[in-house]
Amino acid sequence: MVKRCTAVISEEEDCYIAHCVKLNVVSQGRSIPEAQANLKEALELFVESFC
């Protein structure tokens, strides 16, 4: 099952912070695509922890 989540991505001094506000899950990366991929992985682990 595929779900969509809106993320807010902000730029810090040396990285990008990706935050899924609805689930309050946060990750980071050196680029926007890396931050998105890391957030996706964090969200998968977050959801998996409820199963």
N, C-alpha and C. Protein backbone atom coordinates (compact mmCIF):
# COMPACT_ATOMS: atom_id res chain seq x y z
N MET A 1 0.84 -1.17 0.00
CA MET A 1 0.00 0.00 0.00
C MET A 1 0.89 1.24 0.00
N VAL A 2 0.57 2.17 -0.87
CA VAL A 2 1.34 3.40 -0.99
C VAL A 2 0.52 4.54 -0.40
N LYS A 3 1.15 5.28 0.48
CA LYS A 3 0.53 6.48 1.07
C LYS A 3 1.40 7.68 0.72
N ARG A 4 0.79 8.82 0.66
CA ARG A 4 1.53 10.05 0.40
C ARG A 4 1.63 10.85 1.70
N CYS A 5 2.76 11.53 1.83
CA CYS A 5 3.00 12.36 3.00
C CYS A 5 3.63 13.67 2.52
N THR A 6 3.13 14.76 3.02
CA THR A 6 3.70 16.06 2.68
C THR A 6 4.88 16.34 3.61
N ALA A 7 5.98 16.75 3.03
CA ALA A 7 7.17 17.04 3.82
C ALA A 7 7.58 18.50 3.64
N VAL A 8 8.10 19.05 4.70
CA VAL A 8 8.69 20.39 4.66
C VAL A 8 10.20 20.20 4.67
N ILE A 9 10.87 20.78 3.68
CA ILE A 9 12.32 20.65 3.60
C ILE A 9 12.93 22.03 3.76
N SER A 10 13.80 22.14 4.75
CA SER A 10 14.46 23.43 5.00
C SER A 10 15.97 23.25 4.89
N GLU A 11 16.62 24.33 4.50
CA GLU A 11 18.07 24.30 4.33
C GLU A 11 18.74 24.84 5.58
N GLU A 12 19.67 24.07 6.10
CA GLU A 12 20.51 24.51 7.21
C GLU A 12 21.88 24.87 6.64
N GLU A 13 22.83 25.14 7.48
CA GLU A 13 24.15 25.56 7.01
C GLU A 13 24.82 24.52 6.11
N ASP A 14 24.77 23.25 6.50
CA ASP A 14 25.50 22.23 5.74
C ASP A 14 24.64 21.02 5.36
N CYS A 15 23.32 21.12 5.51
CA CYS A 15 22.45 20.00 5.16
C CYS A 15 21.01 20.47 4.96
N TYR A 16 20.18 19.55 4.53
CA TYR A 16 18.75 19.81 4.37
C TYR A 16 18.00 18.96 5.39
N ILE A 17 16.99 19.55 6.02
CA ILE A 17 16.16 18.87 7.01
C ILE A 17 14.81 18.60 6.38
N ALA A 18 14.38 17.34 6.39
CA ALA A 18 13.08 16.95 5.86
C ALA A 18 12.19 16.55 7.03
N HIS A 19 10.99 17.15 7.10
CA HIS A 19 10.10 16.94 8.24
C HIS A 19 8.70 16.60 7.75
N CYS A 20 8.21 15.43 8.12
CA CYS A 20 6.82 15.07 7.86
C CYS A 20 6.02 15.56 9.05
N VAL A 21 5.33 16.66 8.88
CA VAL A 21 4.64 17.34 9.98
C VAL A 21 3.52 16.47 10.55
N LYS A 22 2.78 15.79 9.68
CA LYS A 22 1.63 15.00 10.11
C LYS A 22 2.03 13.90 11.10
N LEU A 23 3.16 13.25 10.86
CA LEU A 23 3.61 12.15 11.73
C LEU A 23 4.76 12.55 12.64
N ASN A 24 5.24 13.77 12.50
CA ASN A 24 6.35 14.31 13.29
C ASN A 24 7.60 13.43 13.18
N VAL A 25 7.93 13.09 11.93
CA VAL A 25 9.14 12.32 11.65
C VAL A 25 10.10 13.24 10.91
N VAL A 26 11.36 13.23 11.33
CA VAL A 26 12.36 14.14 10.78
C VAL A 26 13.59 13.35 10.35
N SER A 27 14.21 13.79 9.24
CA SER A 27 15.46 13.22 8.79
C SER A 27 16.26 14.33 8.11
N GLN A 28 17.45 14.00 7.64
CA GLN A 28 18.28 15.01 7.01
C GLN A 28 19.13 14.39 5.92
N GLY A 29 19.74 15.23 5.10
CA GLY A 29 20.64 14.77 4.05
C GLY A 29 21.47 15.93 3.54
N ARG A 30 22.49 15.61 2.77
CA ARG A 30 23.38 16.65 2.22
C ARG A 30 22.78 17.35 1.02
N SER A 31 21.76 16.70 0.40
CA SER A 31 21.05 17.30 -0.74
C SER A 31 19.56 17.07 -0.52
N ILE A 32 18.73 17.75 -1.31
CA ILE A 32 17.28 17.55 -1.18
C ILE A 32 16.90 16.11 -1.50
N PRO A 33 17.39 15.51 -2.60
CA PRO A 33 17.03 14.12 -2.87
C PRO A 33 17.47 13.15 -1.76
N GLU A 34 18.63 13.41 -1.18
CA GLU A 34 19.10 12.56 -0.09
C GLU A 34 18.23 12.73 1.15
N ALA A 35 17.83 13.96 1.45
CA ALA A 35 16.94 14.21 2.59
C ALA A 35 15.59 13.53 2.37
N GLN A 36 15.08 13.59 1.14
CA GLN A 36 13.81 12.93 0.82
C GLN A 36 13.93 11.41 0.99
N ALA A 37 14.99 10.84 0.47
CA ALA A 37 15.19 9.39 0.58
C ALA A 37 15.34 8.96 2.04
N ASN A 38 16.07 9.75 2.82
CA ASN A 38 16.25 9.43 4.24
C ASN A 38 14.93 9.55 5.00
N LEU A 39 14.13 10.54 4.64
CA LEU A 39 12.82 10.69 5.29
C LEU A 39 11.92 9.53 4.92
N LYS A 40 11.95 9.11 3.67
CA LYS A 40 11.14 7.96 3.25
C LYS A 40 11.50 6.73 4.07
N GLU A 41 12.79 6.48 4.24
CA GLU A 41 13.24 5.33 5.03
C GLU A 41 12.80 5.47 6.49
N ALA A 42 12.93 6.67 7.04
CA ALA A 42 12.52 6.90 8.43
C ALA A 42 11.01 6.68 8.60
N LEU A 43 10.22 7.12 7.62
CA LEU A 43 8.78 6.92 7.67
C LEU A 43 8.41 5.45 7.57
N GLU A 44 9.11 4.70 6.73
CA GLU A 44 8.85 3.27 6.61
C GLU A 44 9.14 2.57 7.94
N LEU A 45 10.23 2.92 8.58
CA LEU A 45 10.56 2.33 9.88
C LEU A 45 9.55 2.74 10.95
N PHE A 46 9.11 3.98 10.90
CA PHE A 46 8.13 4.48 11.85
C PHE A 46 6.83 3.70 11.74
N VAL A 47 6.33 3.54 10.51
CA VAL A 47 5.07 2.83 10.29
C VAL A 47 5.23 1.35 10.63
N GLU A 48 6.37 0.77 10.28
CA GLU A 48 6.63 -0.63 10.56
C GLU A 48 6.62 -0.93 12.05
N SER A 49 6.99 0.04 12.86
CA SER A 49 7.05 -0.17 14.31
C SER A 49 5.64 -0.37 14.91
N PHE A 50 4.59 -0.03 14.17
CA PHE A 50 3.23 -0.21 14.66
C PHE A 50 2.65 -1.56 14.25
N CYS A 51 3.33 -2.31 13.40
CA CYS A 51 2.81 -3.60 12.93
C CYS A 51 3.27 -4.74 13.79
